[in-house]
Every structure is written in C-alpha cells, then in structure tokens.
Amino acid sequence: MTLAGTDPVTQVLALGVAWALLFRRKAPERRLRALAIGLAVITAVTVIVNGMLNHVGATVMDTMPSWVPLIGGPITAEGFAQGADIAVGMVAAISVAATLSIVIDPADLVDALPHPLERTGAALGAALNLVPATAASVVAVRDAQRLRGWRPRGPRAMVDLAVPVILGAIERSTQLAESMEARAFGSGPRTKSAQESRTGRNAAVGALALLALAVLTATRLEGTVSPWAAYPTPIPPSFAPSALAPAILLGLAAFLVPAASC
C-alpha cells in the first residue's frame, strides 16, 4: 500500500496504522525514540531537497539566481508538496517494515513459517534481530569510548565508532553460527517455542489483512484509483471508498491486535 500508490491520504492512514501497532504491541524493552528521530530527519531532508531542486510548478515562492548550482531557478510550493508526499510514502513504508523487528519476535516469525521455509525464516529472523542489536552496540561502544576520553570530532570519529561496531557484529554472527551448529540446526525438525493460543481475534486480524490485500490488488488492477500529482498544481487527494478501504481494514486489524503486556 505504501509503495504502490502516491495518494497522500492513503499514505497518512497507513503511517497512522503502523504507529498505532508500534505503540500497542512493541516489546517493553524496545524504544521508538530513535526510529522517530530518524524518520523526522528523512522527512525534513526529502522535503527540503525536493523543494529546492525541483523547479516545476505554478506557485512560485521565490527565485534563486541562475548561477547557483542545482538550486538556481524558481522555488515552487508544488516542489515542496511533492517532496512531502514522497517523504510520507517513505516514512510510512519504513514504519510498516519496522513492525517486523519491533513488534514481532524473530523466534515467533520462524515458528509461523511452514517446514519448507524454516531455513529462510531462520535467516530472516537473524537479519531482523541484527537491527536492534546493532543499535544497542552503537550506544554501548559510544559510551565506552567517551569513558576513555573519546570525543567525536570530524569524520575520523565515525571511523572510531564504526570499527568496533562492525567487529562486534561479526563476532555476534560467528557466535550465532556456532550456536546453531551446536544445536544441530538443519539436521531435523526444529522444536517450537511457546506460542500464543489461537483465538477468534487472531483469525479476524488475518482475515482483515487478507481482505485489505485483495481490495488493494483489485483497485490497482481496475485502475479505479488515480495517482496523485503535485504538478502543475496539486490535485485533490482521493477520498473514494475504494482508495481508503485497504488502510481502514488494516486499521481495524491493528486495533484488534491485543496490546503488549508491560
């Protein structure tokens, strides 16, 4: 949904659904502050860069001298509007993907896959677990360096931080491989960790997600939802039921998911 269209209303709804799920279901030990700061930086950079470099549009806000590289020319409101639409789509897509590593435990993701996909699930679970592990490693290395008198000054400081983080990631990967080998990974059916009992609410969440996917696919194949464009002037966003239905269905599914226990 976040990648297949450009309508800002649908993108904002998808973003809201993703963050509702993040707030309701995230693990107690995982924080959303770093993700929120990163998304804010991506939004600001995308809007500013697109607004300054894209000189197309009917509403001219200012004109930069033509001799200025790249940004020379008219600065239009439509350029910033297009940048905002791109930023919302990117932020929504990243937020949706973040639920895999923040909401779902990698072991649960592996357990949910059928037997032929267990190896794929193990690789995917290890990759998803790498994101929070690397973020925690960056914080630990930075604090340890500061206790030893290290102060970030210029690009050299990033090298001092990146090298131990990368070495730590390699060491954790080696330890993971050795642990999997010691547990005879791949030699037979794996044991299952404790799973939540299947309930009617679980079935409703899955049904709503599949229905949202079906409606989204049907609207894209039929072409009933027109792409949103900012040029030459922004067209009104679509409030058609067929355009909003997938996001609304996913919103219902997100609120059916039980909140995480503290």
C-alpha atoms as a PDB file:
ATOM      1  CA  MET A   1       0.000   0.000   0.000  1.00  0.00           C
ATOM      2  CA  THR A   2       2.755   2.441   0.899  1.00  0.00           C
ATOM      3  CA  LEU A   3       4.797   1.665  -2.228  1.00  0.00           C
ATOM      4  CA  ALA A   4       2.057   1.061  -4.811  1.00  0.00           C
ATOM      5  CA  GLY A   5       0.396   4.496  -4.667  1.00  0.00           C
ATOM      6  CA  THR A   6       1.075   8.200  -4.227  1.00  0.00           C
ATOM      7  CA  ASP A   7      -2.191   9.411  -2.695  1.00  0.00           C
ATOM      8  CA  PRO A   8      -1.272  11.337   0.494  1.00  0.00           C
ATOM      9  CA  VAL A   9      -4.434  10.395   2.387  1.00  0.00           C
ATOM     10  CA  THR A  10      -3.787   6.677   1.976  1.00  0.00           C
ATOM     11  CA  GLN A  11      -0.125   7.139   2.930  1.00  0.00           C
ATOM     12  CA  VAL A  12      -1.025   9.063   6.084  1.00  0.00           C
ATOM     13  CA  LEU A  13      -3.584   6.420   7.073  1.00  0.00           C
ATOM     14  CA  ALA A  14      -1.019   3.644   6.559  1.00  0.00           C
ATOM     15  CA  LEU A  15       1.518   5.602   8.630  1.00  0.00           C
ATOM     16  CA  GLY A  16      -1.021   6.033  11.419  1.00  0.00           C
ATOM     17  CA  VAL A  17      -1.873   2.323  11.377  1.00  0.00           C
ATOM     18  CA  ALA A  18       1.803   1.353  11.593  1.00  0.00           C
ATOM     19  CA  TRP A  19       2.484   3.613  14.571  1.00  0.00           C
ATOM     20  CA  ALA A  20      -0.719   2.526  16.314  1.00  0.00           C
ATOM     21  CA  LEU A  21       0.543  -1.040  16.068  1.00  0.00           C
ATOM     22  CA  LEU A  22       4.031   0.000  17.234  1.00  0.00           C
ATOM     23  CA  PHE A  23       2.646   1.737  20.327  1.00  0.00           C
ATOM     24  CA  ARG A  24       0.222  -1.061  21.186  1.00  0.00           C
ATOM     25  CA  ARG A  25       2.397  -4.091  20.560  1.00  0.00           C
ATOM     26  CA  LYS A  26       6.080  -3.180  20.867  1.00  0.00           C
ATOM     27  CA  ALA A  27       8.197  -5.176  23.268  1.00  0.00           C
ATOM     28  CA  PRO A  28       8.691  -3.366  26.619  1.00  0.00           C
ATOM     29  CA  GLU A  29      12.492  -3.284  26.235  1.00  0.00           C
ATOM     30  CA  ARG A  30      12.391  -1.686  22.788  1.00  0.00           C
ATOM     31  CA  ARG A  31      12.170   2.071  22.303  1.00  0.00           C
ATOM     32  CA  LEU A  32      10.675   4.102  19.474  1.00  0.00           C
ATOM     33  CA  ARG A  33      12.619   7.331  20.021  1.00  0.00           C
ATOM     34  CA  ALA A  34      15.496   6.515  17.658  1.00  0.00           C
ATOM     35  CA  LEU A  35      13.070   5.421  14.938  1.00  0.00           C
ATOM     36  CA  ALA A  36      11.014   8.603  15.324  1.00  0.00           C
ATOM     37  CA  ILE A  37      14.116  10.825  15.132  1.00  0.00           C
ATOM     38  CA  GLY A  38      15.385   9.012  12.053  1.00  0.00           C
ATOM     39  CA  LEU A  39      12.024   9.346  10.297  1.00  0.00           C
ATOM     40  CA  ALA A  40      11.860  13.045  11.169  1.00  0.00           C
ATOM     41  CA  VAL A  41      15.300  13.597   9.630  1.00  0.00           C
ATOM     42  CA  ILE A  42      14.310  11.675   6.485  1.00  0.00           C
ATOM     43  CA  THR A  43      11.145  13.772   6.174  1.00  0.00           C
ATOM     44  CA  ALA A  44      12.930  17.096   6.579  1.00  0.00           C
ATOM     45  CA  VAL A  45      15.732  16.216   4.144  1.00  0.00           C
ATOM     46  CA  THR A  46      13.340  14.869   1.499  1.00  0.00           C
ATOM     47  CA  VAL A  47      11.034  17.900   1.609  1.00  0.00           C
ATOM     48  CA  ILE A  48      13.880  20.427   1.526  1.00  0.00           C
ATOM     49  CA  VAL A  49      15.889  18.692  -1.202  1.00  0.00           C
ATOM     50  CA  ASN A  50      12.867  18.147  -3.466  1.00  0.00           C
ATOM     51  CA  GLY A  51      11.612  21.685  -2.889  1.00  0.00           C
ATOM     52  CA  MET A  52      14.973  23.272  -3.668  1.00  0.00           C
ATOM     53  CA  LEU A  53      15.903  21.104  -6.643  1.00  0.00           C
ATOM     54  CA  ASN A  54      12.533  20.677  -8.349  1.00  0.00           C
ATOM     55  CA  HIS A  55      11.686  23.881 -10.169  1.00  0.00           C
ATOM     56  CA  VAL A  56       8.352  22.781 -11.640  1.00  0.00           C
ATOM     57  CA  GLY A  57       5.022  24.207 -10.538  1.00  0.00           C
ATOM     58  CA  ALA A  58       2.650  27.108 -10.911  1.00  0.00           C
ATOM     59  CA  THR A  59       3.026  28.686  -7.460  1.00  0.00           C
ATOM     60  CA  VAL A  60       6.430  30.389  -7.375  1.00  0.00           C
ATOM     61  CA  MET A  61       7.527  31.196  -3.832  1.00  0.00           C
ATOM     62  CA  ASP A  62      10.936  32.670  -4.678  1.00  0.00           C
ATOM     63  CA  THR A  63      13.563  32.660  -7.420  1.00  0.00           C
ATOM     64  CA  MET A  64      17.149  31.707  -6.816  1.00  0.00           C
ATOM     65  CA  PRO A  65      19.888  33.207  -9.027  1.00  0.00           C
ATOM     66  CA  SER A  66      20.513  31.112 -12.122  1.00  0.00           C
ATOM     67  CA  TRP A  67      24.255  30.925 -11.419  1.00  0.00           C
ATOM     68  CA  VAL A  68      23.668  28.946  -8.191  1.00  0.00           C
ATOM     69  CA  PRO A  69      24.330  25.237  -8.984  1.00  0.00           C
ATOM     70  CA  LEU A  70      21.334  22.887  -8.810  1.00  0.00           C
ATOM     71  CA  ILE A  71      19.019  25.195  -6.871  1.00  0.00           C
ATOM     72  CA  GLY A  72      19.151  28.091  -9.336  1.00  0.00           C
ATOM     73  CA  GLY A  73      15.660  28.845 -10.664  1.00  0.00           C
ATOM     74  CA  PRO A  74      12.124  29.179  -9.316  1.00  0.00           C
ATOM     75  CA  ILE A  75      11.301  27.665  -5.935  1.00  0.00           C
ATOM     76  CA  THR A  76       7.699  26.458  -6.064  1.00  0.00           C
ATOM     77  CA  ALA A  77       5.181  25.345  -3.476  1.00  0.00           C
ATOM     78  CA  GLU A  78       4.423  22.332  -5.658  1.00  0.00           C
ATOM     79  CA  GLY A  79       8.031  21.184  -5.305  1.00  0.00           C
ATOM     80  CA  PHE A  80       7.710  21.128  -1.526  1.00  0.00           C
ATOM     81  CA  ALA A  81       4.291  19.454  -1.804  1.00  0.00           C
ATOM     82  CA  GLN A  82       5.765  16.695  -3.970  1.00  0.00           C
ATOM     83  CA  GLY A  83       8.631  16.318  -1.516  1.00  0.00           C
ATOM     84  CA  ALA A  84       6.179  15.991   1.366  1.00  0.00           C
ATOM     85  CA  ASP A  85       4.244  13.302  -0.498  1.00  0.00           C
ATOM     86  CA  ILE A  86       7.440  11.358  -1.229  1.00  0.00           C
ATOM     87  CA  ALA A  87       8.541  11.736   2.397  1.00  0.00           C
ATOM     88  CA  VAL A  88       5.219  10.461   3.762  1.00  0.00           C
ATOM     89  CA  GLY A  89       5.416   7.422   1.479  1.00  0.00           C
ATOM     90  CA  MET A  90       8.982   6.648   2.554  1.00  0.00           C
ATOM     91  CA  VAL A  91       8.253   7.150   6.250  1.00  0.00           C
ATOM     92  CA  ALA A  92       5.109   5.007   6.027  1.00  0.00           C
ATOM     93  CA  ALA A  93       6.999   2.188   4.267  1.00  0.00           C
ATOM     94  CA  ILE A  94       9.818   2.278   6.846  1.00  0.00           C
ATOM     95  CA  SER A  95       7.326   2.338   9.731  1.00  0.00           C
ATOM     96  CA  VAL A  96       5.469  -0.670   8.341  1.00  0.00           C
ATOM     97  CA  ALA A  97       8.745  -2.569   7.913  1.00  0.00           C
ATOM     98  CA  ALA A  98       9.836  -1.575  11.422  1.00  0.00           C
ATOM     99  CA  THR A  99       6.943  -3.521  12.927  1.00  0.00           C
ATOM    100  CA  LEU A 100       8.711  -6.740  11.876  1.00  0.00           C
ATOM    101  CA  SER A 101      11.705  -6.046  14.129  1.00  0.00           C
ATOM    102  CA  ILE A 102       9.987  -4.072  16.914  1.00  0.00           C
ATOM    103  CA  VAL A 103       6.650  -5.867  17.306  1.00  0.00           C
ATOM    104  CA  ILE A 104       7.345  -9.439  16.172  1.00  0.00           C
ATOM    105  CA  ASP A 105       9.894 -11.549  17.997  1.00  0.00           C
ATOM    106  CA  PRO A 106      12.232 -13.264  15.491  1.00  0.00           C
ATOM    107  CA  ALA A 107      11.536 -16.655  17.095  1.00  0.00           C
ATOM    108  CA  ASP A 108       7.785 -16.171  16.586  1.00  0.00           C
ATOM    109  CA  LEU A 109       8.390 -15.284  12.951  1.00  0.00           C
ATOM    110  CA  VAL A 110      10.357 -18.501  12.428  1.00  0.00           C
ATOM    111  CA  ASP A 111       7.681 -20.571  14.187  1.00  0.00           C
ATOM    112  CA  ALA A 112       4.958 -19.099  11.987  1.00  0.00           C
ATOM    113  CA  LEU A 113       6.546 -20.394   8.768  1.00  0.00           C
ATOM    114  CA  PRO A 114       5.892 -23.877   7.366  1.00  0.00           C
ATOM    115  CA  HIS A 115       8.615 -26.513   7.434  1.00  0.00           C
ATOM    116  CA  PRO A 116       9.956 -25.908   3.863  1.00  0.00           C
ATOM    117  CA  LEU A 117      10.639 -22.265   4.788  1.00  0.00           C
ATOM    118  CA  GLU A 118      12.324 -22.853   8.154  1.00  0.00           C
ATOM    119  CA  ARG A 119      15.815 -22.098   6.827  1.00  0.00           C
ATOM    120  CA  THR A 120      14.529 -18.920   5.177  1.00  0.00           C
ATOM    121  CA  GLY A 121      12.770 -17.979   8.400  1.00  0.00           C
ATOM    122  CA  ALA A 122      15.926 -18.514  10.437  1.00  0.00           C
ATOM    123  CA  ALA A 123      17.912 -16.256   8.105  1.00  0.00           C
ATOM    124  CA  LEU A 124      15.164 -13.621   8.150  1.00  0.00           C
ATOM    125  CA  GLY A 125      14.852 -13.775  11.926  1.00  0.00           C
ATOM    126  CA  ALA A 126      18.611 -13.355  12.358  1.00  0.00           C
ATOM    127  CA  ALA A 127      18.595 -10.386   9.968  1.00  0.00           C
ATOM    128  CA  LEU A 128      15.715  -8.696  11.810  1.00  0.00           C
ATOM    129  CA  ASN A 129      17.422  -9.262  15.143  1.00  0.00           C
ATOM    130  CA  LEU A 130      20.558  -7.587  13.760  1.00  0.00           C
ATOM    131  CA  VAL A 131      18.876  -4.154  13.654  1.00  0.00           C
ATOM    132  CA  PRO A 132      18.168  -3.669  17.393  1.00  0.00           C
ATOM    133  CA  ALA A 133      21.393  -5.496  18.294  1.00  0.00           C
ATOM    134  CA  THR A 134      23.461  -3.129  16.157  1.00  0.00           C
ATOM    135  CA  ALA A 135      21.664  -0.086  17.576  1.00  0.00           C
ATOM    136  CA  ALA A 136      22.416  -1.280  21.114  1.00  0.00           C
ATOM    137  CA  SER A 137      26.030  -1.925  20.134  1.00  0.00           C
ATOM    138  CA  VAL A 138      26.420   1.634  18.812  1.00  0.00           C
ATOM    139  CA  VAL A 139      25.204   3.060  22.129  1.00  0.00           C
ATOM    140  CA  ALA A 140      27.450   0.741  24.171  1.00  0.00           C
ATOM    141  CA  VAL A 141      30.565   1.473  22.079  1.00  0.00           C
ATOM    142  CA  ARG A 142      29.905   5.223  22.136  1.00  0.00           C
ATOM    143  CA  ASP A 143      29.534   5.268  25.937  1.00  0.00           C
ATOM    144  CA  ALA A 144      32.652   3.138  26.402  1.00  0.00           C
ATOM    145  CA  GLN A 145      34.662   5.414  24.102  1.00  0.00           C
ATOM    146  CA  ARG A 146      33.525   8.511  25.965  1.00  0.00           C
ATOM    147  CA  LEU A 147      34.518   6.994  29.302  1.00  0.00           C
ATOM    148  CA  ARG A 148      38.022   6.595  27.825  1.00  0.00           C
ATOM    149  CA  GLY A 149      38.161  10.274  26.865  1.00  0.00           C
ATOM    150  CA  TRP A 150      36.982   9.963  23.248  1.00  0.00           C
ATOM    151  CA  ARG A 151      35.257  12.997  21.785  1.00  0.00           C
ATOM    152  CA  PRO A 152      33.553  12.994  18.353  1.00  0.00           C
ATOM    153  CA  ARG A 153      35.456  15.356  16.062  1.00  0.00           C
ATOM    154  CA  GLY A 154      35.024  15.074  12.299  1.00  0.00           C
ATOM    155  CA  PRO A 155      34.828  12.001  10.046  1.00  0.00           C
ATOM    156  CA  ARG A 156      37.650  10.294  11.961  1.00  0.00           C
ATOM    157  CA  ALA A 157      35.354   9.991  14.969  1.00  0.00           C
ATOM    158  CA  MET A 158      32.844   7.985  12.906  1.00  0.00           C
ATOM    159  CA  VAL A 159      35.605   5.536  11.982  1.00  0.00           C
ATOM    160  CA  ASP A 160      36.492   5.128  15.658  1.00  0.00           C
ATOM    161  CA  LEU A 161      32.850   4.282  16.322  1.00  0.00           C
ATOM    162  CA  ALA A 162      32.152   2.141  13.244  1.00  0.00           C
ATOM    163  CA  VAL A 163      35.122  -0.238  13.517  1.00  0.00           C
ATOM    164  CA  PRO A 164      34.254  -1.746  16.937  1.00  0.00           C
ATOM    165  CA  VAL A 165      30.562  -1.900  15.998  1.00  0.00           C
ATOM    166  CA  ILE A 166      31.340  -3.855  12.814  1.00  0.00           C
ATOM    167  CA  LEU A 167      33.750  -6.157  14.635  1.00  0.00           C
ATOM    168  CA  GLY A 168      31.104  -6.780  17.277  1.00  0.00           C
ATOM    169  CA  ALA A 169      28.519  -7.613  14.602  1.00  0.00           C
ATOM    170  CA  ILE A 170      30.931 -10.121  13.016  1.00  0.00           C
ATOM    171  CA  GLU A 171      31.608 -11.695  16.413  1.00  0.00           C
ATOM    172  CA  ARG A 172      27.870 -11.995  17.159  1.00  0.00           C
ATOM    173  CA  SER A 173      27.307 -13.588  13.740  1.00  0.00           C
ATOM    174  CA  THR A 174      30.055 -16.121  14.418  1.00  0.00           C
ATOM    175  CA  GLN A 175      28.615 -16.930  17.833  1.00  0.00           C
ATOM    176  CA  LEU A 176      25.167 -17.365  16.297  1.00  0.00           C
ATOM    177  CA  ALA A 177      26.514 -19.753  13.663  1.00  0.00           C
ATOM    178  CA  GLU A 178      28.349 -21.781  16.317  1.00  0.00           C
ATOM    179  CA  SER A 179      25.233 -21.910  18.495  1.00  0.00           C
ATOM    180  CA  MET A 180      23.102 -23.095  15.569  1.00  0.00           C
ATOM    181  CA  GLU A 181      25.677 -25.763  14.710  1.00  0.00           C
ATOM    182  CA  ALA A 182      25.872 -26.919  18.332  1.00  0.00           C
ATOM    183  CA  ARG A 183      22.095 -27.318  18.335  1.00  0.00           C
ATOM    184  CA  ALA A 184      22.205 -29.394  15.132  1.00  0.00           C
ATOM    185  CA  PHE A 185      20.350 -26.806  13.058  1.00  0.00           C
ATOM    186  CA  GLY A 186      19.138 -28.319   9.791  1.00  0.00           C
ATOM    187  CA  SER A 187      19.528 -31.932  10.902  1.00  0.00           C
ATOM    188  CA  GLY A 188      15.806 -32.445  11.515  1.00  0.00           C
ATOM    189  CA  PRO A 189      12.547 -30.777  12.562  1.00  0.00           C
ATOM    190  CA  ARG A 190      13.186 -27.923  14.962  1.00  0.00           C
ATOM    191  CA  THR A 191      11.463 -27.603  18.315  1.00  0.00           C
ATOM    192  CA  LYS A 192       8.876 -24.888  18.782  1.00  0.00           C
ATOM    193  CA  SER A 193       8.992 -22.157  21.370  1.00  0.00           C
ATOM    194  CA  ALA A 194       5.886 -21.348  23.401  1.00  0.00           C
ATOM    195  CA  GLN A 195       3.212 -19.768  21.208  1.00  0.00           C
ATOM    196  CA  GLU A 196       0.110 -17.753  21.958  1.00  0.00           C
ATOM    197  CA  SER A 197      -3.099 -19.720  21.685  1.00  0.00           C
ATOM    198  CA  ARG A 198      -5.111 -19.239  18.508  1.00  0.00           C
ATOM    199  CA  THR A 199      -8.220 -17.146  19.116  1.00  0.00           C
ATOM    200  CA  GLY A 200     -11.054 -15.677  17.122  1.00  0.00           C
ATOM    201  CA  ARG A 201      -9.330 -12.299  17.357  1.00  0.00           C
ATOM    202  CA  ASN A 202      -6.220 -13.749  15.695  1.00  0.00           C
ATOM    203  CA  ALA A 203      -8.360 -15.127  12.882  1.00  0.00           C
ATOM    204  CA  ALA A 204     -10.099 -11.760  12.459  1.00  0.00           C
ATOM    205  CA  VAL A 205      -6.757  -9.958  12.194  1.00  0.00           C
ATOM    206  CA  GLY A 206      -5.582 -12.359   9.484  1.00  0.00           C
ATOM    207  CA  ALA A 207      -8.871 -12.123   7.599  1.00  0.00           C
ATOM    208  CA  LEU A 208      -8.854  -8.319   7.624  1.00  0.00           C
ATOM    209  CA  ALA A 209      -5.244  -8.237   6.413  1.00  0.00           C
ATOM    210  CA  LEU A 210      -6.029 -10.608   3.532  1.00  0.00           C
ATOM    211  CA  LEU A 211      -9.155  -8.622   2.648  1.00  0.00           C
ATOM    212  CA  ALA A 212      -7.136  -5.379   2.614  1.00  0.00           C
ATOM    213  CA  LEU A 213      -4.618  -7.003   0.263  1.00  0.00           C
ATOM    214  CA  ALA A 214      -7.403  -8.246  -2.014  1.00  0.00           C
ATOM    215  CA  VAL A 215      -9.096  -4.817  -2.180  1.00  0.00           C
ATOM    216  CA  LEU A 216      -5.766  -3.084  -2.843  1.00  0.00           C
ATOM    217  CA  THR A 217      -4.929  -5.524  -5.650  1.00  0.00           C
ATOM    218  CA  ALA A 218      -8.379  -5.168  -7.218  1.00  0.00           C
ATOM    219  CA  THR A 219      -8.298  -1.369  -7.215  1.00  0.00           C
ATOM    220  CA  ARG A 220      -4.823  -1.322  -8.756  1.00  0.00           C
ATOM    221  CA  LEU A 221      -5.774  -3.809 -11.488  1.00  0.00           C
ATOM    222  CA  GLU A 222      -9.006  -1.963 -12.315  1.00  0.00           C
ATOM    223  CA  GLY A 223      -7.353   1.458 -12.237  1.00  0.00           C
ATOM    224  CA  THR A 224     -10.143   2.949 -10.129  1.00  0.00           C
ATOM    225  CA  VAL A 225      -7.657   4.951  -8.022  1.00  0.00           C
ATOM    226  CA  SER A 226      -5.897   7.726  -9.925  1.00  0.00           C
ATOM    227  CA  PRO A 227      -2.301   8.590  -8.941  1.00  0.00           C
ATOM    228  CA  TRP A 228      -1.854  11.841  -7.052  1.00  0.00           C
ATOM    229  CA  ALA A 229       0.276  14.548  -8.690  1.00  0.00           C
ATOM    230  CA  ALA A 230       1.595  17.904  -7.496  1.00  0.00           C
ATOM    231  CA  TYR A 231       2.238  19.436 -10.921  1.00  0.00           C
ATOM    232  CA  PRO A 232       1.381  21.866 -12.353  1.00  0.00           C
ATOM    233  CA  THR A 233      -0.926  22.365  -9.364  1.00  0.00           C
ATOM    234  CA  PRO A 234      -1.725  19.729  -6.726  1.00  0.00           C
ATOM    235  CA  ILE A 235      -4.836  17.722  -7.491  1.00  0.00           C
ATOM    236  CA  PRO A 236      -7.241  16.966  -4.608  1.00  0.00           C
ATOM    237  CA  PRO A 237      -6.452  13.710  -2.808  1.00  0.00           C
ATOM    238  CA  SER A 238      -8.842  10.827  -3.295  1.00  0.00           C
ATOM    239  CA  PHE A 239     -11.413  10.122  -0.596  1.00  0.00           C
ATOM    240  CA  ALA A 240     -13.109   7.385  -2.601  1.00  0.00           C
ATOM    241  CA  PRO A 241     -14.112   4.344  -0.507  1.00  0.00           C
ATOM    242  CA  SER A 242     -12.142   2.035  -2.805  1.00  0.00           C
ATOM    243  CA  ALA A 243      -8.980   4.077  -2.157  1.00  0.00           C
ATOM    244  CA  LEU A 244      -9.392   4.276   1.616  1.00  0.00           C
ATOM    245  CA  ALA A 245     -10.768   0.773   2.225  1.00  0.00           C
ATOM    246  CA  PRO A 246      -7.397  -1.078   2.464  1.00  0.00           C
ATOM    247  CA  ALA A 247      -5.998   1.349   5.049  1.00  0.00           C
ATOM    248  CA  ILE A 248      -9.239   1.308   7.051  1.00  0.00           C
ATOM    249  CA  LEU A 249      -9.276  -2.501   7.079  1.00  0.00           C
ATOM    250  CA  LEU A 250      -5.672  -2.596   8.272  1.00  0.00           C
ATOM    251  CA  GLY A 251      -6.516  -0.018  10.942  1.00  0.00           C
ATOM    252  CA  LEU A 252      -9.255  -2.294  12.261  1.00  0.00           C
ATOM    253  CA  ALA A 253      -6.806  -5.209  12.228  1.00  0.00           C
ATOM    254  CA  ALA A 254      -4.194  -3.195  14.138  1.00  0.00           C
ATOM    255  CA  PHE A 255      -6.636  -2.360  16.927  1.00  0.00           C
ATOM    256  CA  LEU A 256      -7.786  -5.965  17.142  1.00  0.00           C
ATOM    257  CA  VAL A 257      -4.213  -6.999  17.969  1.00  0.00           C
ATOM    258  CA  PRO A 258      -4.021  -7.188  21.777  1.00  0.00           C
ATOM    259  CA  ALA A 259      -1.729  -4.686  23.470  1.00  0.00           C
ATOM    260  CA  ALA A 260       1.623  -5.946  24.711  1.00  0.00           C
ATOM    261  CA  SER A 261       1.877  -6.733  28.388  1.00  0.00           C
ATOM    262  CA  CYS A 262       4.233  -4.445  30.341  1.00  0.00           C
END
